[in-house]
Amino acid sequence: MPKMKSKGAVKKRFRMSKHGKAVCSKPGRGHMHASFNGETGRKLRRRMVLNKTWSILIGRMMEP
């Protein structure tokens, strides 16, 4: 049986942490930020850590 292809889009958007959790940036960081206050802008800079179930799925898509 052939190997499953890895998903290039997932590789661009996610990375795996040292403990095997998937990490990505928060959505809504593209444009139109004039209406955001300072607290919201700072919170968008933080990384989003996905839970165990999603981390397993993302990790499976990233491996070759």
C-alpha atoms as a PDB file:
ATOM      1  CA  MET A   1       0.000   0.000   0.000  1.00  0.00           C
ATOM      2  CA  PRO A   2       1.429   3.445  -0.889  1.00  0.00           C
ATOM      3  CA  LYS A   3       2.335   6.034   1.720  1.00  0.00           C
ATOM      4  CA  MET A   4      -0.121   8.803   2.519  1.00  0.00           C
ATOM      5  CA  LYS A   5       0.946  12.177   1.134  1.00  0.00           C
ATOM      6  CA  SER A   6       1.631  14.936   3.652  1.00  0.00           C
ATOM      7  CA  LYS A   7      -0.513  18.055   3.423  1.00  0.00           C
ATOM      8  CA  GLY A   8       1.548  21.087   2.381  1.00  0.00           C
ATOM      9  CA  ALA A   9      -1.076  23.570   3.605  1.00  0.00           C
ATOM     10  CA  VAL A  10      -0.929  22.063   7.090  1.00  0.00           C
ATOM     11  CA  LYS A  11       2.871  22.244   7.149  1.00  0.00           C
ATOM     12  CA  LYS A  12       2.711  25.973   6.390  1.00  0.00           C
ATOM     13  CA  ARG A  13       0.141  26.810   9.075  1.00  0.00           C
ATOM     14  CA  PHE A  14       1.027  24.556  12.008  1.00  0.00           C
ATOM     15  CA  ARG A  15       4.074  23.328  13.854  1.00  0.00           C
ATOM     16  CA  MET A  16       4.437  20.685  16.524  1.00  0.00           C
ATOM     17  CA  SER A  17       5.648  21.655  19.988  1.00  0.00           C
ATOM     18  CA  LYS A  18       8.248  19.692  21.928  1.00  0.00           C
ATOM     19  CA  HIS A  19       5.525  17.765  23.752  1.00  0.00           C
ATOM     20  CA  GLY A  20       3.578  16.897  20.591  1.00  0.00           C
ATOM     21  CA  LYS A  21       0.910  19.593  20.646  1.00  0.00           C
ATOM     22  CA  ALA A  22      -0.022  21.482  17.485  1.00  0.00           C
ATOM     23  CA  VAL A  23       0.676  25.233  17.632  1.00  0.00           C
ATOM     24  CA  CYS A  24      -0.571  27.890  15.213  1.00  0.00           C
ATOM     25  CA  SER A  25      -1.238  31.617  15.082  1.00  0.00           C
ATOM     26  CA  LYS A  26      -4.662  32.974  15.943  1.00  0.00           C
ATOM     27  CA  PRO A  27      -7.142  33.764  13.167  1.00  0.00           C
ATOM     28  CA  GLY A  28      -8.126  37.331  12.314  1.00  0.00           C
ATOM     29  CA  ARG A  29      -4.669  38.870  11.938  1.00  0.00           C
ATOM     30  CA  GLY A  30      -4.827  39.861   8.276  1.00  0.00           C
ATOM     31  CA  HIS A  31      -6.146  43.401   7.928  1.00  0.00           C
ATOM     32  CA  MET A  32      -8.689  45.943   9.289  1.00  0.00           C
ATOM     33  CA  HIS A  33      -7.170  46.216  12.779  1.00  0.00           C
ATOM     34  CA  ALA A  34      -7.921  49.904  13.346  1.00  0.00           C
ATOM     35  CA  SER A  35     -11.004  49.084  15.395  1.00  0.00           C
ATOM     36  CA  PHE A  36      -9.099  46.748  17.752  1.00  0.00           C
ATOM     37  CA  ASN A  37      -7.990  48.078  21.105  1.00  0.00           C
ATOM     38  CA  GLY A  38      -4.506  47.378  22.453  1.00  0.00           C
ATOM     39  CA  GLU A  39      -5.494  44.363  24.515  1.00  0.00           C
ATOM     40  CA  THR A  40      -7.080  42.597  21.550  1.00  0.00           C
ATOM     41  CA  GLY A  41      -4.043  43.267  19.362  1.00  0.00           C
ATOM     42  CA  ARG A  42      -1.712  41.840  21.990  1.00  0.00           C
ATOM     43  CA  LYS A  43      -3.854  38.738  22.419  1.00  0.00           C
ATOM     44  CA  LEU A  44      -3.742  38.095  18.672  1.00  0.00           C
ATOM     45  CA  ARG A  45       0.063  37.969  18.823  1.00  0.00           C
ATOM     46  CA  ARG A  46      -0.019  34.923  21.079  1.00  0.00           C
ATOM     47  CA  ARG A  47       0.039  31.408  19.731  1.00  0.00           C
ATOM     48  CA  MET A  48      -2.916  29.064  19.809  1.00  0.00           C
ATOM     49  CA  VAL A  49      -2.273  25.586  21.228  1.00  0.00           C
ATOM     50  CA  LEU A  50      -4.674  22.943  19.961  1.00  0.00           C
ATOM     51  CA  ASN A  51      -6.101  20.215  22.149  1.00  0.00           C
ATOM     52  CA  LYS A  52      -5.013  16.568  22.100  1.00  0.00           C
ATOM     53  CA  THR A  53      -7.543  15.363  19.513  1.00  0.00           C
ATOM     54  CA  TRP A  54      -6.718  18.063  16.971  1.00  0.00           C
ATOM     55  CA  SER A  55      -2.997  17.707  17.642  1.00  0.00           C
ATOM     56  CA  ILE A  56      -3.133  14.028  16.726  1.00  0.00           C
ATOM     57  CA  LEU A  57      -4.978  14.791  13.475  1.00  0.00           C
ATOM     58  CA  ILE A  58      -2.626  17.630  12.522  1.00  0.00           C
ATOM     59  CA  GLY A  59       0.429  15.523  13.342  1.00  0.00           C
ATOM     60  CA  ARG A  60      -0.874  12.725  11.141  1.00  0.00           C
ATOM     61  CA  MET A  61      -1.293  15.157   8.226  1.00  0.00           C
ATOM     62  CA  MET A  62       2.240  16.548   8.665  1.00  0.00           C
ATOM     63  CA  GLU A  63       4.160  13.284   8.640  1.00  0.00           C
ATOM     64  CA  PRO A  64       5.313  12.052   5.240  1.00  0.00           C
END
